[in-house]
PDB file of N, CA and C in Angstrom:
ATOM      1  N   MET A   1      80.677  92.962 107.954  1.00  0.00           N
ATOM      2  CA  MET A   1      79.609  94.213 108.318  1.00  0.00           C
ATOM      3  C   MET A   1      79.683  94.125 109.904  1.00  0.00           C
ATOM      4  N   ASN A   2      79.713  95.361 110.216  1.00  0.00           N
ATOM      5  CA  ASN A   2      79.691  95.855 111.632  1.00  0.00           C
ATOM      6  C   ASN A   2      78.236  95.668 112.453  1.00  0.00           C
ATOM      7  N   ASN A   3      78.596  95.149 113.661  1.00  0.00           N
ATOM      8  CA  ASN A   3      77.500  95.127 114.193  1.00  0.00           C
ATOM      9  C   ASN A   3      77.635  95.952 115.231  1.00  0.00           C
ATOM     10  N   THR A   4      76.202  96.626 115.871  1.00  0.00           N
ATOM     11  CA  THR A   4      76.062  97.319 117.262  1.00  0.00           C
ATOM     12  C   THR A   4      75.278  96.886 118.246  1.00  0.00           C
ATOM     13  N   ILE A   5      76.212  96.488 119.326  1.00  0.00           N
ATOM     14  CA  ILE A   5      75.322  95.602 120.630  1.00  0.00           C
ATOM     15  C   ILE A   5      74.513  97.018 121.219  1.00  0.00           C
ATOM     16  N   ILE A   6      73.574  97.168 121.828  1.00  0.00           N
ATOM     17  CA  ILE A   6      72.739  98.058 122.305  1.00  0.00           C
ATOM     18  C   ILE A   6      72.098  97.381 123.007  1.00  0.00           C
ATOM     19  N   SER A   7      72.016  97.791 124.190  1.00  0.00           N
ATOM     20  CA  SER A   7      70.984  97.295 125.918  1.00  0.00           C
ATOM     21  C   SER A   7      70.141  97.711 125.813  1.00  0.00           C
ATOM     22  N   CYS A   8      69.239  96.975 125.793  1.00  0.00           N
ATOM     23  CA  CYS A   8      67.165  97.668 126.017  1.00  0.00           C
ATOM     24  C   CYS A   8      67.428  98.253 127.333  1.00  0.00           C
ATOM     25  N   LEU A   9      66.597  99.352 126.822  1.00  0.00           N
ATOM     26  CA  LEU A   9      66.200 100.550 127.874  1.00  0.00           C
ATOM     27  C   LEU A   9      65.290 100.037 129.056  1.00  0.00           C
ATOM     28  N   ALA A  10      64.448  99.108 128.381  1.00  0.00           N
ATOM     29  CA  ALA A  10      63.399  98.631 128.990  1.00  0.00           C
ATOM     30  C   ALA A  10      63.552  97.591 130.103  1.00  0.00           C
ATOM     31  N   CYS A  11      64.561  96.483 129.525  1.00  0.00           N
ATOM     32  CA  CYS A  11      65.067  95.049 130.196  1.00  0.00           C
ATOM     33  C   CYS A  11      66.340  94.747 130.492  1.00  0.00           C
ATOM     34  N   GLY A  12      67.092  95.887 130.083  1.00  0.00           N
ATOM     35  CA  GLY A  12      68.486  95.580 129.926  1.00  0.00           C
ATOM     36  C   GLY A  12      69.177  94.078 128.922  1.00  0.00           C
ATOM     37  N   THR A  13      68.651  93.564 128.159  1.00  0.00           N
ATOM     38  CA  THR A  13      69.046  92.478 127.458  1.00  0.00           C
ATOM     39  C   THR A  13      69.915  93.408 126.578  1.00  0.00           C
ATOM     40  N   LYS A  14      71.094  92.848 126.387  1.00  0.00           N
ATOM     41  CA  LYS A  14      72.252  93.401 125.014  1.00  0.00           C
ATOM     42  C   LYS A  14      71.500  92.629 123.511  1.00  0.00           C
ATOM     43  N   ASN A  15      71.773  93.345 122.663  1.00  0.00           N
ATOM     44  CA  ASN A  15      70.956  93.326 121.369  1.00  0.00           C
ATOM     45  C   ASN A  15      71.913  93.404 120.235  1.00  0.00           C
ATOM     46  N   ARG A  16      72.236  92.323 119.745  1.00  0.00           N
ATOM     47  CA  ARG A  16      72.996  92.406 118.654  1.00  0.00           C
ATOM     48  C   ARG A  16      72.224  93.016 117.326  1.00  0.00           C
ATOM     49  N   ILE A  17      72.546  94.323 116.490  1.00  0.00           N
ATOM     50  CA  ILE A  17      71.931  94.855 115.611  1.00  0.00           C
ATOM     51  C   ILE A  17      72.552  94.683 114.429  1.00  0.00           C
ATOM     52  N   PRO A  18      72.803  94.228 113.717  1.00  0.00           N
ATOM     53  CA  PRO A  18      73.510  94.285 112.214  1.00  0.00           C
ATOM     54  C   PRO A  18      73.626  95.604 111.482  1.00  0.00           C
ATOM     55  N   ALA A  19      74.770  95.822 110.977  1.00  0.00           N
ATOM     56  CA  ALA A  19      74.733  97.793 110.419  1.00  0.00           C
ATOM     57  C   ALA A  19      73.682  97.866 109.728  1.00  0.00           C
ATOM     58  N   ASP A  20      73.676  96.375 108.512  1.00  0.00           N
ATOM     59  CA  ASP A  20      72.741  96.944 107.262  1.00  0.00           C
ATOM     60  C   ASP A  20      71.174  97.080 107.991  1.00  0.00           C
ATOM     61  N   LYS A  21      70.943  96.511 108.919  1.00  0.00           N
ATOM     62  CA  LYS A  21      69.361  96.429 109.576  1.00  0.00           C
ATOM     63  C   LYS A  21      69.513  97.455 110.376  1.00  0.00           C
ATOM     64  N   GLN A  22      70.004  98.686 111.092  1.00  0.00           N
ATOM     65  CA  GLN A  22      69.943 100.121 111.597  1.00  0.00           C
ATOM     66  C   GLN A  22      68.863 100.779 111.417  1.00  0.00           C
ATOM     67  N   HIS A  23      68.303 100.721 109.857  1.00  0.00           N
ATOM     68  CA  HIS A  23      67.244 101.447 109.537  1.00  0.00           C
ATOM     69  C   HIS A  23      65.926 101.187 109.917  1.00  0.00           C
ATOM     70  N   LEU A  24      65.926  99.692 110.277  1.00  0.00           N
ATOM     71  CA  LEU A  24      64.864  99.261 110.396  1.00  0.00           C
ATOM     72  C   LEU A  24      63.742  99.159 111.639  1.00  0.00           C
ATOM     73  N   LYS A  25      64.201 100.213 112.557  1.00  0.00           N
ATOM     74  CA  LYS A  25      63.739 100.054 114.335  1.00  0.00           C
ATOM     75  C   LYS A  25      63.657  99.081 114.856  1.00  0.00           C
ATOM     76  N   PRO A  26      64.783  98.290 115.306  1.00  0.00           N
ATOM     77  CA  PRO A  26      64.562  96.975 115.808  1.00  0.00           C
ATOM     78  C   PRO A  26      63.644  96.844 116.990  1.00  0.00           C
ATOM     79  N   ASN A  27      63.510  95.633 117.417  1.00  0.00           N
ATOM     80  CA  ASN A  27      62.868  95.629 118.791  1.00  0.00           C
ATOM     81  C   ASN A  27      63.797  94.863 119.521  1.00  0.00           C
ATOM     82  N   CYS A  28      64.048  94.773 120.848  1.00  0.00           N
ATOM     83  CA  CYS A  28      64.566  93.981 121.826  1.00  0.00           C
ATOM     84  C   CYS A  28      64.115  92.347 121.672  1.00  0.00           C
ATOM     85  N   GLY A  29      65.319  91.631 121.492  1.00  0.00           N
ATOM     86  CA  GLY A  29      64.801  90.342 121.128  1.00  0.00           C
ATOM     87  C   GLY A  29      64.366  89.509 122.648  1.00  0.00           C
ATOM     88  N   ASN A  30      63.982  90.091 123.509  1.00  0.00           N
ATOM     89  CA  ASN A  30      63.514  89.604 124.884  1.00  0.00           C
ATOM     90  C   ASN A  30      62.113  90.191 125.273  1.00  0.00           C
ATOM     91  N   CYS A  31      62.098  91.149 125.047  1.00  0.00           N
ATOM     92  CA  CYS A  31      61.103  92.170 125.498  1.00  0.00           C
ATOM     93  C   CYS A  31      60.136  92.712 124.516  1.00  0.00           C
ATOM     94  N   LYS A  32      60.486  92.893 123.635  1.00  0.00           N
ATOM     95  CA  LYS A  32      60.273  93.403 122.178  1.00  0.00           C
ATOM     96  C   LYS A  32      59.998  94.867 122.373  1.00  0.00           C
ATOM     97  N   ALA A  33      60.659  95.177 123.418  1.00  0.00           N
ATOM     98  CA  ALA A  33      60.330  96.970 123.026  1.00  0.00           C
ATOM     99  C   ALA A  33      61.143  97.487 121.950  1.00  0.00           C
ATOM    100  N   THR A  34      60.922  98.509 121.697  1.00  0.00           N
ATOM    101  CA  THR A  34      61.663  99.300 120.382  1.00  0.00           C
ATOM    102  C   THR A  34      62.992  99.439 120.978  1.00  0.00           C
ATOM    103  N   ILE A  35      64.125  99.502 120.536  1.00  0.00           N
ATOM    104  CA  ILE A  35      65.128 100.175 120.761  1.00  0.00           C
ATOM    105  C   ILE A  35      65.408 101.200 119.982  1.00  0.00           C
ATOM    106  N   ASP A  36      65.752 102.369 120.778  1.00  0.00           N
ATOM    107  CA  ASP A  36      66.057 103.516 120.164  1.00  0.00           C
ATOM    108  C   ASP A  36      67.773 103.554 119.699  1.00  0.00           C
ATOM    109  N   LEU A  37      67.864 103.749 118.438  1.00  0.00           N
ATOM    110  CA  LEU A  37      69.405 103.647 117.560  1.00  0.00           C
ATOM    111  C   LEU A  37      69.798 105.205 117.635  1.00  0.00           C
ATOM    112  N   THR A  38      69.148 106.238 118.097  1.00  0.00           N
ATOM    113  CA  THR A  38      69.693 107.475 118.106  1.00  0.00           C
ATOM    114  C   THR A  38      71.064 108.001 118.288  1.00  0.00           C
ATOM    115  N   ASN A  39      71.810 108.334 117.797  1.00  0.00           N
ATOM    116  CA  ASN A  39      73.403 108.360 118.068  1.00  0.00           C
ATOM    117  C   ASN A  39      74.296 107.286 118.427  1.00  0.00           C
ATOM    118  N   GLN A  40      73.657 105.844 117.987  1.00  0.00           N
ATOM    119  CA  GLN A  40      74.193 105.019 117.599  1.00  0.00           C
ATOM    120  C   GLN A  40      74.237 104.327 116.250  1.00  0.00           C
ATOM    121  N   GLY A  41      74.425 105.194 115.126  1.00  0.00           N
ATOM    122  CA  GLY A  41      74.621 104.539 114.244  1.00  0.00           C
ATOM    123  C   GLY A  41      76.174 104.503 113.779  1.00  0.00           C
ATOM    124  N   VAL A  42      76.518 103.521 113.035  1.00  0.00           N
ATOM    125  CA  VAL A  42      78.186 103.168 112.321  1.00  0.00           C
ATOM    126  C   VAL A  42      77.980 102.995 111.018  1.00  0.00           C
ATOM    127  N   PRO A  43      79.215 103.060 110.504  1.00  0.00           N
ATOM    128  CA  PRO A  43      79.180 103.349 108.719  1.00  0.00           C
ATOM    129  C   PRO A  43      78.928 101.744 108.464  1.00  0.00           C
ATOM    130  N   VAL A  44      78.016 102.032 107.269  1.00  0.00           N
ATOM    131  CA  VAL A  44      77.279 100.636 106.731  1.00  0.00           C
ATOM    132  C   VAL A  44      78.159 100.342 105.197  1.00  0.00           C
ATOM    133  N   GLU A  45      78.440  99.337 104.978  1.00  0.00           N
ATOM    134  CA  GLU A  45      78.876  99.198 103.592  1.00  0.00           C
ATOM    135  C   GLU A  45      78.326  98.524 103.354  1.00  0.00           C
ATOM    136  N   LEU A  46      77.497  99.278 101.551  1.00  0.00           N
ATOM    137  CA  LEU A  46      76.332  98.867 100.932  1.00  0.00           C
ATOM    138  C   LEU A  46      77.062  98.404  99.427  1.00  0.00           C
ATOM    139  N   SER A  47      76.352  97.764  98.784  1.00  0.00           N
ATOM    140  CA  SER A  47      76.548  97.538  97.821  1.00  0.00           C
ATOM    141  C   SER A  47      75.414  98.098  96.688  1.00  0.00           C
ATOM    142  N   ASP A  48      75.502  98.142  95.283  1.00  0.00           N
ATOM    143  CA  ASP A  48      74.728  98.839  94.675  1.00  0.00           C
ATOM    144  C   ASP A  48      73.703  97.409  94.656  1.00  0.00           C
ATOM    145  N   HIS A  49      73.293  96.628  95.116  1.00  0.00           N
ATOM    146  CA  HIS A  49      72.370  95.941  95.048  1.00  0.00           C
ATOM    147  C   HIS A  49      71.552  96.324  96.656  1.00  0.00           C
ATOM    148  N   ASP A  50      71.570  96.690  97.755  1.00  0.00           N
ATOM    149  CA  ASP A  50      71.050  96.758  98.589  1.00  0.00           C
ATOM    150  C   ASP A  50      71.047  98.478  99.100  1.00  0.00           C
ATOM    151  N   PHE A  51      71.799  99.241  98.216  1.00  0.00           N
ATOM    152  CA  PHE A  51      71.810 101.016  98.311  1.00  0.00           C
ATOM    153  C   PHE A  51      70.660 101.350  98.516  1.00  0.00           C
ATOM    154  N   HIS A  52      69.772 101.067  97.690  1.00  0.00           N
ATOM    155  CA  HIS A  52      68.334 102.101  97.289  1.00  0.00           C
ATOM    156  C   HIS A  52      67.645 101.441  98.372  1.00  0.00           C
ATOM    157  N   GLY A  53      67.314  99.810  98.798  1.00  0.00           N
ATOM    158  CA  GLY A  53      66.206  99.792  99.524  1.00  0.00           C
ATOM    159  C   GLY A  53      66.709 100.497 101.165  1.00  0.00           C
ATOM    160  N   PHE A  54      68.087 100.580 101.440  1.00  0.00           N
ATOM    161  CA  PHE A  54      68.219 100.928 102.699  1.00  0.00           C
ATOM    162  C   PHE A  54      68.299 102.391 102.840  1.00  0.00           C
ATOM    163  N   VAL A  55      68.359 103.130 101.838  1.00  0.00           N
ATOM    164  CA  VAL A  55      68.218 104.754 101.823  1.00  0.00           C
ATOM    165  C   VAL A  55      66.540 104.807 101.597  1.00  0.00           C
ATOM    166  N   LYS A  56      65.876 104.124 101.236  1.00  0.00           N
ATOM    167  CA  LYS A  56      64.440 104.288 100.810  1.00  0.00           C
ATOM    168  C   LYS A  56      63.824 104.190 102.422  1.00  0.00           C
ATOM    169  N   ASN A  57      64.539 103.093 103.125  1.00  0.00           N
ATOM    170  CA  ASN A  57      64.066 103.055 104.425  1.00  0.00           C
ATOM    171  C   ASN A  57      64.505 103.547 106.128  1.00  0.00           C
ATOM    172  N   ALA A  58      65.582 104.370 105.315  1.00  0.00           N
ATOM    173  CA  ALA A  58      66.184 105.032 106.381  1.00  0.00           C
ATOM    174  C   ALA A  58      64.996 106.176 106.798  1.00  0.00           C
ATOM    175  N   SER A  59      65.249 106.226 108.103  1.00  0.00           N
ATOM    176  CA  SER A  59      64.302 107.696 109.121  1.00  0.00           C
ATOM    177  C   SER A  59      64.908 108.732 108.938  1.00  0.00           C
ATOM    178  N   LEU A  60      66.229 109.099 108.916  1.00  0.00           N
ATOM    179  CA  LEU A  60      67.312 109.857 108.982  1.00  0.00           C
ATOM    180  C   LEU A  60      68.082 110.075 107.194  1.00  0.00           C
ATOM    181  N   PRO A  61      68.362 111.246 106.932  1.00  0.00           N
ATOM    182  CA  PRO A  61      69.152 111.612 105.995  1.00  0.00           C
ATOM    183  C   PRO A  61      70.295 110.751 106.114  1.00  0.00           C
ATOM    184  N   VAL A  62      70.949 110.196 104.674  1.00  0.00           N
ATOM    185  CA  VAL A  62      71.952 108.944 104.684  1.00  0.00           C
ATOM    186  C   VAL A  62      73.117 110.143 104.025  1.00  0.00           C
ATOM    187  N   LEU A  63      74.165 110.022 104.781  1.00  0.00           N
ATOM    188  CA  LEU A  63      75.893 110.621 104.447  1.00  0.00           C
ATOM    189  C   LEU A  63      75.857 109.434 103.653  1.00  0.00           C
ATOM    190  N   VAL A  64      76.532 109.792 102.077  1.00  0.00           N
ATOM    191  CA  VAL A  64      77.241 109.182 101.359  1.00  0.00           C
ATOM    192  C   VAL A  64      78.673 109.060 101.112  1.00  0.00           C
ATOM    193  N   LEU A  65      79.321 108.326 101.576  1.00  0.00           N
ATOM    194  CA  LEU A  65      80.754 108.209 101.124  1.00  0.00           C
ATOM    195  C   LEU A  65      81.348 107.562 100.293  1.00  0.00           C
ATOM    196  N   VAL A  66      81.962 108.118  98.899  1.00  0.00           N
ATOM    197  CA  VAL A  66      82.253 107.191  97.805  1.00  0.00           C
ATOM    198  C   VAL A  66      83.667 107.480  97.187  1.00  0.00           C
ATOM    199  N   ARG A  67      84.443 106.121  97.244  1.00  0.00           N
ATOM    200  CA  ARG A  67      85.802 106.305  96.827  1.00  0.00           C
ATOM    201  C   ARG A  67      85.927 106.240  95.385  1.00  0.00           C
ATOM    202  N   LEU A  68      86.234 106.975  94.675  1.00  0.00           N
ATOM    203  CA  LEU A  68      86.528 107.222  93.371  1.00  0.00           C
ATOM    204  C   LEU A  68      87.716 106.622  92.988  1.00  0.00           C
ATOM    205  N   CYS A  69      88.321 106.817  93.831  1.00  0.00           N
ATOM    206  CA  CYS A  69      90.042 105.809  93.183  1.00  0.00           C
ATOM    207  C   CYS A  69      91.030 106.272  94.376  1.00  0.00           C
ATOM    208  N   CYS A  70      92.071 106.475  94.458  1.00  0.00           N
ATOM    209  CA  CYS A  70      92.898 106.174  95.801  1.00  0.00           C
ATOM    210  C   CYS A  70      92.928 107.496  96.708  1.00  0.00           C
ATOM    211  N   GLN A  71      93.030 108.397  96.228  1.00  0.00           N
ATOM    212  CA  GLN A  71      92.906 109.781  96.639  1.00  0.00           C
ATOM    213  C   GLN A  71      91.662 110.456  96.989  1.00  0.00           C
ATOM    214  N   LEU A  72      90.672 109.888  95.734  1.00  0.00           N
ATOM    215  CA  LEU A  72      89.822 111.109  95.647  1.00  0.00           C
ATOM    216  C   LEU A  72      88.910 110.373  96.334  1.00  0.00           C
ATOM    217  N   LEU A  73      87.864 111.713  97.238  1.00  0.00           N
ATOM    218  CA  LEU A  73      86.312 110.920  98.155  1.00  0.00           C
ATOM    219  C   LEU A  73      85.165 111.872  97.574  1.00  0.00           C
ATOM    220  N   MET A  74      84.181 111.583  97.913  1.00  0.00           N
ATOM    221  CA  MET A  74      83.322 112.218  97.324  1.00  0.00           C
ATOM    222  C   MET A  74      81.945 112.354  98.459  1.00  0.00           C
ATOM    223  N   ILE A  75      80.903 112.928  99.301  1.00  0.00           N
ATOM    224  CA  ILE A  75      80.771 112.871 100.118  1.00  0.00           C
ATOM    225  C   ILE A  75      79.084 113.418  99.428  1.00  0.00           C
ATOM    226  N   TRP A  76      78.203 112.906  99.778  1.00  0.00           N
ATOM    227  CA  TRP A  76      76.952 113.923  99.680  1.00  0.00           C
ATOM    228  C   TRP A  76      75.772 113.058 100.649  1.00  0.00           C
ATOM    229  N   GLN A  77      74.984 113.857 100.598  1.00  0.00           N
ATOM    230  CA  GLN A  77      73.675 113.616 101.446  1.00  0.00           C
ATOM    231  C   GLN A  77      72.126 112.914 100.378  1.00  0.00           C
ATOM    232  N   VAL A  78      71.866 112.311 101.033  1.00  0.00           N
ATOM    233  CA  VAL A  78      70.797 111.432  99.902  1.00  0.00           C
ATOM    234  C   VAL A  78      69.669 111.439 100.747  1.00  0.00           C
ATOM    235  N   ASN A  79      68.568 112.228 100.286  1.00  0.00           N
ATOM    236  CA  ASN A  79      67.063 112.227 100.722  1.00  0.00           C
ATOM    237  C   ASN A  79      66.244 111.812  99.858  1.00  0.00           C
ATOM    238  N   LEU A  80      65.473 110.578  99.959  1.00  0.00           N
ATOM    239  CA  LEU A  80      64.214 109.840  99.189  1.00  0.00           C
ATOM    240  C   LEU A  80      63.181 110.442  99.613  1.00  0.00           C
TER     241      LEU A  80
END
């Protein structure tokens, strides 16, 4: 999984945000200020097990890319 490292705007501390937790509105580990991840998202690889929970808790629409075979890709937007 990819991690995103974001500096807190309030105190400057660098925070590592796991890709599968970006949708949870994280707080700074040092000062507890909310970290704004707007325009900081990275692709997240999800399994059948964690897909629904991720989409359900996402504050923005989720773009889904599914590889159906070697050459064919399907993309759709999910809103719950």
